[in-house]
Amino acid sequence: MIVLNKIDRSDARTKEVLDEIYDLFIDLDATEDQLDFPVVYTNARDGVAHRAPGDGSKDLLPLFETIVKTHPGSPRRP
């Protein structure tokens, strides 16, 4: 999971930064599965997260849902 923050800034380069992350993973010999990560775009100061830029989200729910979906908890002990 990748979280790109500060998307509200006038100098935000979300697409370029995401491309740089992909390039880094490729340079590190990431597998196809590792390259298939979800991306969440955030403006943490305002408490807003988006699954896609400009999707109309008004809170951090997309971030929390992505965390729960992609990072299951550890198994419970009996």
C-alpha atoms as a PDB file:
ATOM      1  CA  MET A   1       0.000   0.000   0.000  1.00  0.00           C
ATOM      2  CA  ILE A   2       1.274   3.448  -0.935  1.00  0.00           C
ATOM      3  CA  VAL A   3      -0.064   6.654   0.587  1.00  0.00           C
ATOM      4  CA  LEU A   4       0.693   9.827  -1.346  1.00  0.00           C
ATOM      5  CA  ASN A   5       0.197  12.802   0.941  1.00  0.00           C
ATOM      6  CA  LYS A   6      -0.011  16.551   0.344  1.00  0.00           C
ATOM      7  CA  ILE A   7      -1.985  16.191  -2.865  1.00  0.00           C
ATOM      8  CA  ASP A   8      -3.605  19.571  -2.187  1.00  0.00           C
ATOM      9  CA  ARG A   9      -0.393  21.519  -2.745  1.00  0.00           C
ATOM     10  CA  SER A  10      -0.002  23.558  -5.898  1.00  0.00           C
ATOM     11  CA  ASP A  11       3.343  21.851  -6.579  1.00  0.00           C
ATOM     12  CA  ALA A  12       2.003  18.315  -6.026  1.00  0.00           C
ATOM     13  CA  ARG A  13       3.366  15.828  -8.550  1.00  0.00           C
ATOM     14  CA  THR A  14       1.246  12.799  -7.733  1.00  0.00           C
ATOM     15  CA  LYS A  15       1.615  11.044 -11.083  1.00  0.00           C
ATOM     16  CA  GLU A  16       5.354  11.678 -11.244  1.00  0.00           C
ATOM     17  CA  VAL A  17       5.900  10.523  -7.654  1.00  0.00           C
ATOM     18  CA  LEU A  18       3.887   7.356  -8.259  1.00  0.00           C
ATOM     19  CA  ASP A  19       5.981   6.676 -11.394  1.00  0.00           C
ATOM     20  CA  GLU A  20       9.141   7.152  -9.318  1.00  0.00           C
ATOM     21  CA  ILE A  21       7.853   4.638  -6.755  1.00  0.00           C
ATOM     22  CA  TYR A  22       7.184   2.095  -9.515  1.00  0.00           C
ATOM     23  CA  ASP A  23      10.685   2.714 -10.901  1.00  0.00           C
ATOM     24  CA  LEU A  24      12.191   2.168  -7.450  1.00  0.00           C
ATOM     25  CA  PHE A  25      10.306  -1.092  -6.962  1.00  0.00           C
ATOM     26  CA  ILE A  26      11.432  -2.278 -10.400  1.00  0.00           C
ATOM     27  CA  ASP A  27      15.055  -1.335  -9.596  1.00  0.00           C
ATOM     28  CA  LEU A  28      14.717  -3.435  -6.432  1.00  0.00           C
ATOM     29  CA  ASP A  29      13.549  -6.419  -8.531  1.00  0.00           C
ATOM     30  CA  ALA A  30      10.015  -6.376  -7.135  1.00  0.00           C
ATOM     31  CA  THR A  31       7.731  -9.182  -8.204  1.00  0.00           C
ATOM     32  CA  GLU A  32       4.496  -8.641 -10.133  1.00  0.00           C
ATOM     33  CA  ASP A  33       2.549  -9.121  -6.904  1.00  0.00           C
ATOM     34  CA  GLN A  34       4.631  -6.475  -5.138  1.00  0.00           C
ATOM     35  CA  LEU A  35       3.998  -4.016  -7.975  1.00  0.00           C
ATOM     36  CA  ASP A  36       0.256  -4.509  -7.612  1.00  0.00           C
ATOM     37  CA  PHE A  37      -0.167  -2.251  -4.581  1.00  0.00           C
ATOM     38  CA  PRO A  38      -3.152  -0.047  -3.817  1.00  0.00           C
ATOM     39  CA  VAL A  39      -2.602   3.718  -3.811  1.00  0.00           C
ATOM     40  CA  VAL A  40      -4.382   6.164  -1.512  1.00  0.00           C
ATOM     41  CA  TYR A  41      -4.073   9.900  -2.068  1.00  0.00           C
ATOM     42  CA  THR A  42      -4.301  12.043   1.060  1.00  0.00           C
ATOM     43  CA  ASN A  43      -4.445  15.527   2.413  1.00  0.00           C
ATOM     44  CA  ALA A  44      -3.669  14.620   6.013  1.00  0.00           C
ATOM     45  CA  ARG A  45      -3.933  18.181   7.299  1.00  0.00           C
ATOM     46  CA  ASP A  46      -7.564  18.320   6.177  1.00  0.00           C
ATOM     47  CA  GLY A  47      -8.215  14.673   7.098  1.00  0.00           C
ATOM     48  CA  VAL A  48      -9.195  13.531   3.606  1.00  0.00           C
ATOM     49  CA  ALA A  49      -8.179  10.408   1.666  1.00  0.00           C
ATOM     50  CA  HIS A  50      -9.051   9.410  -1.903  1.00  0.00           C
ATOM     51  CA  ARG A  51      -8.875   6.137  -3.799  1.00  0.00           C
ATOM     52  CA  ALA A  52      -8.531   8.246  -6.955  1.00  0.00           C
ATOM     53  CA  PRO A  53      -7.701  11.945  -7.088  1.00  0.00           C
ATOM     54  CA  GLY A  54     -10.847  14.043  -6.995  1.00  0.00           C
ATOM     55  CA  ASP A  55     -13.200  11.153  -6.189  1.00  0.00           C
ATOM     56  CA  GLY A  56     -15.218  13.316  -3.809  1.00  0.00           C
ATOM     57  CA  SER A  57     -14.153  11.683  -0.549  1.00  0.00           C
ATOM     58  CA  LYS A  58     -14.658  13.895   2.476  1.00  0.00           C
ATOM     59  CA  ASP A  59     -12.857  11.944   5.233  1.00  0.00           C
ATOM     60  CA  LEU A  60     -10.169   9.321   5.915  1.00  0.00           C
ATOM     61  CA  LEU A  61     -12.474   6.340   5.434  1.00  0.00           C
ATOM     62  CA  PRO A  62     -10.845   5.277   2.115  1.00  0.00           C
ATOM     63  CA  LEU A  63      -7.481   5.085   3.898  1.00  0.00           C
ATOM     64  CA  PHE A  64      -8.816   3.026   6.797  1.00  0.00           C
ATOM     65  CA  GLU A  65     -10.746   0.690   4.491  1.00  0.00           C
ATOM     66  CA  THR A  66      -7.650   0.111   2.362  1.00  0.00           C
ATOM     67  CA  ILE A  67      -5.549  -0.663   5.435  1.00  0.00           C
ATOM     68  CA  VAL A  68      -8.079  -3.206   6.703  1.00  0.00           C
ATOM     69  CA  LYS A  69      -8.513  -4.773   3.267  1.00  0.00           C
ATOM     70  CA  THR A  70      -4.822  -5.086   2.385  1.00  0.00           C
ATOM     71  CA  HIS A  71      -3.253  -5.717   5.808  1.00  0.00           C
ATOM     72  CA  PRO A  72      -5.218  -8.363   7.640  1.00  0.00           C
ATOM     73  CA  GLY A  73      -4.517  -8.683  11.326  1.00  0.00           C
ATOM     74  CA  SER A  74      -2.439 -11.446  12.784  1.00  0.00           C
ATOM     75  CA  PRO A  75      -4.221 -14.687  13.626  1.00  0.00           C
ATOM     76  CA  ARG A  76      -5.829 -14.768  17.037  1.00  0.00           C
ATOM     77  CA  ARG A  77      -4.373 -17.082  19.600  1.00  0.00           C
ATOM     78  CA  PRO A  78      -6.671 -19.654  21.181  1.00  0.00           C
END
